[in-house]
Amino acid sequence: MAHNSELVADEAAVLPGRGAYLHATERCFQNALKRRAFGRALRTESQLDTGVLREKLQTSVNNESLNNETVSKDTVNI
């Protein structure tokens, strides 16, 4: 979800506005950046700051790795 030109995770899916889903992997995140998918999915033409979402994904991936769980099936609601 875009909030003040910042891409944020809406884990509870309760924030108002348009959202999108993303697999909680660095690969999917990088592909979305490369394809400019966030702007299209959220229907915004302004540049979005992805820093907060990147940190959230890195934390999520690191925590999952410590727990030896697969992260490919997990998604992040943005």
N, C-alpha and C. Protein backbone atom coordinates (compact mmCIF):
# COMPACT_ATOMS: atom_id res chain seq x y z
N MET A 1 0.85 -1.16 0.00
CA MET A 1 0.00 0.00 0.00
C MET A 1 0.89 1.22 0.00
N ALA A 2 0.52 2.22 -0.75
CA ALA A 2 1.27 3.48 -0.80
C ALA A 2 0.69 4.43 0.23
N HIS A 3 1.53 4.92 1.11
CA HIS A 3 1.12 5.87 2.15
C HIS A 3 2.12 7.01 2.14
N ASN A 4 1.69 8.20 1.73
CA ASN A 4 2.58 9.36 1.62
C ASN A 4 3.81 9.05 0.76
N SER A 5 3.58 8.48 -0.40
CA SER A 5 4.64 8.11 -1.36
C SER A 5 5.62 7.09 -0.81
N GLU A 6 5.23 6.37 0.20
CA GLU A 6 6.07 5.34 0.80
C GLU A 6 5.34 4.00 0.68
N LEU A 7 6.04 3.00 0.22
CA LEU A 7 5.47 1.67 0.08
C LEU A 7 5.58 0.96 1.43
N VAL A 8 4.44 0.60 2.02
CA VAL A 8 4.44 -0.02 3.35
C VAL A 8 3.67 -1.34 3.32
N ALA A 9 4.04 -2.24 4.21
CA ALA A 9 3.34 -3.51 4.35
C ALA A 9 2.08 -3.29 5.18
N ASP A 10 0.97 -3.83 4.73
CA ASP A 10 -0.30 -3.76 5.46
C ASP A 10 -0.64 -5.19 5.87
N GLU A 11 0.03 -5.67 6.90
CA GLU A 11 -0.09 -7.08 7.30
C GLU A 11 -1.50 -7.49 7.69
N ALA A 12 -2.25 -6.57 8.27
CA ALA A 12 -3.61 -6.90 8.69
C ALA A 12 -4.63 -6.60 7.58
N ALA A 13 -4.18 -6.04 6.48
CA ALA A 13 -5.05 -5.69 5.34
C ALA A 13 -6.20 -4.80 5.76
N VAL A 14 -5.90 -3.78 6.56
CA VAL A 14 -6.94 -2.88 7.05
C VAL A 14 -6.75 -1.43 6.63
N LEU A 15 -5.61 -1.09 6.05
CA LEU A 15 -5.39 0.28 5.63
C LEU A 15 -6.29 0.62 4.45
N PRO A 16 -6.79 1.86 4.40
CA PRO A 16 -7.65 2.25 3.29
C PRO A 16 -6.84 2.42 2.00
N GLY A 17 -7.49 2.20 0.89
CA GLY A 17 -6.83 2.40 -0.39
C GLY A 17 -6.52 1.10 -1.09
N ARG A 18 -5.84 1.24 -2.20
CA ARG A 18 -5.52 0.10 -3.05
C ARG A 18 -4.28 -0.62 -2.52
N GLY A 19 -4.28 -1.93 -2.58
CA GLY A 19 -3.16 -2.74 -2.11
C GLY A 19 -2.75 -3.76 -3.15
N ALA A 20 -1.72 -4.52 -2.86
CA ALA A 20 -1.22 -5.56 -3.75
C ALA A 20 -0.54 -6.62 -2.90
N TYR A 21 -0.30 -7.78 -3.50
CA TYR A 21 0.39 -8.86 -2.81
C TYR A 21 1.77 -9.08 -3.42
N LEU A 22 2.71 -9.49 -2.59
CA LEU A 22 4.07 -9.74 -3.03
C LEU A 22 4.60 -10.94 -2.25
N HIS A 23 5.23 -11.90 -2.95
CA HIS A 23 5.88 -13.00 -2.23
C HIS A 23 6.98 -12.41 -1.36
N ALA A 24 7.13 -12.93 -0.18
CA ALA A 24 8.10 -12.41 0.78
C ALA A 24 9.50 -12.93 0.48
N THR A 25 9.97 -12.66 -0.74
CA THR A 25 11.32 -13.05 -1.14
C THR A 25 12.03 -11.87 -1.78
N GLU A 26 13.32 -11.84 -1.66
CA GLU A 26 14.11 -10.79 -2.28
C GLU A 26 13.99 -10.84 -3.80
N ARG A 27 13.92 -12.04 -4.33
CA ARG A 27 13.81 -12.21 -5.79
C ARG A 27 12.54 -11.57 -6.34
N CYS A 28 11.41 -11.83 -5.71
CA CYS A 28 10.15 -11.24 -6.16
C CYS A 28 10.16 -9.72 -5.99
N PHE A 29 10.74 -9.25 -4.90
CA PHE A 29 10.84 -7.81 -4.66
C PHE A 29 11.67 -7.15 -5.76
N GLN A 30 12.82 -7.74 -6.09
CA GLN A 30 13.68 -7.18 -7.13
C GLN A 30 12.99 -7.22 -8.49
N ASN A 31 12.28 -8.29 -8.79
CA ASN A 31 11.54 -8.38 -10.05
C ASN A 31 10.46 -7.31 -10.13
N ALA A 32 9.77 -7.08 -9.03
CA ALA A 32 8.72 -6.05 -9.02
C ALA A 32 9.31 -4.67 -9.24
N LEU A 33 10.48 -4.41 -8.64
CA LEU A 33 11.15 -3.13 -8.85
C LEU A 33 11.56 -2.97 -10.32
N LYS A 34 12.16 -4.01 -10.85
CA LYS A 34 12.65 -3.99 -12.22
C LYS A 34 11.51 -3.75 -13.22
N ARG A 35 10.36 -4.37 -12.96
CA ARG A 35 9.22 -4.26 -13.86
C ARG A 35 8.33 -3.06 -13.56
N ARG A 36 8.68 -2.32 -12.50
CA ARG A 36 7.87 -1.17 -12.05
C ARG A 36 6.44 -1.58 -11.73
N ALA A 37 6.33 -2.74 -11.13
CA ALA A 37 5.01 -3.33 -10.84
C ALA A 37 4.28 -2.62 -9.70
N PHE A 38 5.02 -2.05 -8.76
CA PHE A 38 4.35 -1.42 -7.61
C PHE A 38 3.49 -0.24 -8.07
N GLY A 39 4.03 0.62 -8.89
CA GLY A 39 3.27 1.77 -9.37
C GLY A 39 2.05 1.37 -10.16
N ARG A 40 2.20 0.35 -11.01
CA ARG A 40 1.05 -0.12 -11.80
C ARG A 40 -0.01 -0.75 -10.92
N ALA A 41 0.42 -1.61 -10.00
CA ALA A 41 -0.54 -2.30 -9.13
C ALA A 41 -1.30 -1.33 -8.24
N LEU A 42 -0.61 -0.31 -7.77
CA LEU A 42 -1.23 0.66 -6.86
C LEU A 42 -1.81 1.86 -7.60
N ARG A 43 -1.67 1.84 -8.93
CA ARG A 43 -2.20 2.91 -9.78
C ARG A 43 -1.73 4.29 -9.34
N THR A 44 -0.43 4.43 -9.22
CA THR A 44 0.16 5.71 -8.88
C THR A 44 1.27 6.02 -9.88
N GLU A 45 1.40 7.26 -10.21
CA GLU A 45 2.44 7.66 -11.15
C GLU A 45 3.64 8.26 -10.44
N SER A 46 3.50 8.57 -9.16
CA SER A 46 4.63 9.15 -8.42
C SER A 46 5.62 8.06 -8.03
N GLN A 47 6.85 8.46 -7.83
CA GLN A 47 7.91 7.54 -7.40
C GLN A 47 7.64 7.11 -5.96
N LEU A 48 7.70 5.82 -5.69
CA LEU A 48 7.44 5.29 -4.35
C LEU A 48 8.74 4.95 -3.64
N ASP A 49 8.83 5.30 -2.38
CA ASP A 49 9.98 4.95 -1.55
C ASP A 49 9.78 3.51 -1.07
N THR A 50 10.68 2.61 -1.46
CA THR A 50 10.55 1.20 -1.12
C THR A 50 11.39 0.78 0.08
N GLY A 51 12.06 1.72 0.72
CA GLY A 51 12.97 1.41 1.82
C GLY A 51 12.34 0.66 2.98
N VAL A 52 11.18 1.11 3.41
CA VAL A 52 10.50 0.48 4.55
C VAL A 52 10.10 -0.95 4.21
N LEU A 53 9.55 -1.15 3.01
CA LEU A 53 9.15 -2.50 2.60
C LEU A 53 10.37 -3.40 2.44
N ARG A 54 11.46 -2.88 1.90
CA ARG A 54 12.69 -3.66 1.75
C ARG A 54 13.19 -4.15 3.11
N GLU A 55 13.21 -3.25 4.09
CA GLU A 55 13.64 -3.64 5.45
C GLU A 55 12.71 -4.69 6.04
N LYS A 56 11.41 -4.52 5.83
CA LYS A 56 10.42 -5.49 6.34
C LYS A 56 10.65 -6.87 5.74
N LEU A 57 10.89 -6.91 4.42
CA LEU A 57 11.14 -8.19 3.76
C LEU A 57 12.43 -8.83 4.24
N GLN A 58 13.48 -8.04 4.40
CA GLN A 58 14.76 -8.58 4.86
C GLN A 58 14.62 -9.15 6.27
N THR A 59 13.90 -8.45 7.12
CA THR A 59 13.66 -8.95 8.48
C THR A 59 12.86 -10.24 8.44
N SER A 60 11.83 -10.26 7.60
CA SER A 60 10.98 -11.45 7.47
C SER A 60 11.77 -12.64 6.96
N VAL A 61 12.57 -12.43 5.93
CA VAL A 61 13.37 -13.51 5.35
C VAL A 61 14.39 -14.00 6.36
N ASN A 62 15.04 -13.09 7.08
CA ASN A 62 16.03 -13.50 8.09
C ASN A 62 15.37 -14.29 9.21
N ASN A 63 14.20 -13.87 9.67
CA ASN A 63 13.50 -14.60 10.72
C ASN A 63 13.07 -15.97 10.24
N GLU A 64 12.59 -16.08 9.02
CA GLU A 64 12.18 -17.37 8.48
C GLU A 64 13.37 -18.29 8.32
N SER A 65 14.51 -17.76 7.92
CA SER A 65 15.71 -18.58 7.76
C SER A 65 16.14 -19.16 9.10
N LEU A 66 16.02 -18.36 10.14
CA LEU A 66 16.39 -18.83 11.47
C LEU A 66 15.47 -19.96 11.94
N ASN A 67 14.22 -19.90 11.49
CA ASN A 67 13.24 -20.92 11.89
C ASN A 67 13.19 -22.10 10.93
N ASN A 68 14.04 -22.08 9.87
CA ASN A 68 14.09 -23.14 8.87
C ASN A 68 12.75 -23.41 8.21
N GLU A 69 11.98 -22.35 7.98
CA GLU A 69 10.70 -22.47 7.30
C GLU A 69 10.85 -21.95 5.88
N THR A 70 10.01 -22.43 4.98
CA THR A 70 10.06 -21.92 3.61
C THR A 70 9.33 -20.59 3.56
N VAL A 71 9.89 -19.66 2.79
CA VAL A 71 9.27 -18.35 2.66
C VAL A 71 8.64 -18.16 1.28
N SER A 72 8.81 -19.11 0.39
CA SER A 72 8.29 -18.91 -0.96
C SER A 72 6.78 -18.88 -1.02
N LYS A 73 6.11 -19.50 -0.05
CA LYS A 73 4.66 -19.51 -0.04
C LYS A 73 4.07 -18.32 0.70
N ASP A 74 4.89 -17.62 1.49
CA ASP A 74 4.42 -16.47 2.25
C ASP A 74 4.26 -15.27 1.34
N THR A 75 3.27 -14.45 1.61
CA THR A 75 3.08 -13.22 0.87
C THR A 75 3.00 -12.06 1.84
N VAL A 76 3.31 -10.90 1.32
CA VAL A 76 3.20 -9.67 2.08
C VAL A 76 2.15 -8.82 1.39
N ASN A 77 1.18 -8.36 2.13
CA ASN A 77 0.17 -7.48 1.59
C ASN A 77 0.72 -6.07 1.64
N ILE A 78 0.83 -5.43 0.49
CA ILE A 78 1.35 -4.06 0.46
C ILE A 78 0.27 -3.10 0.01
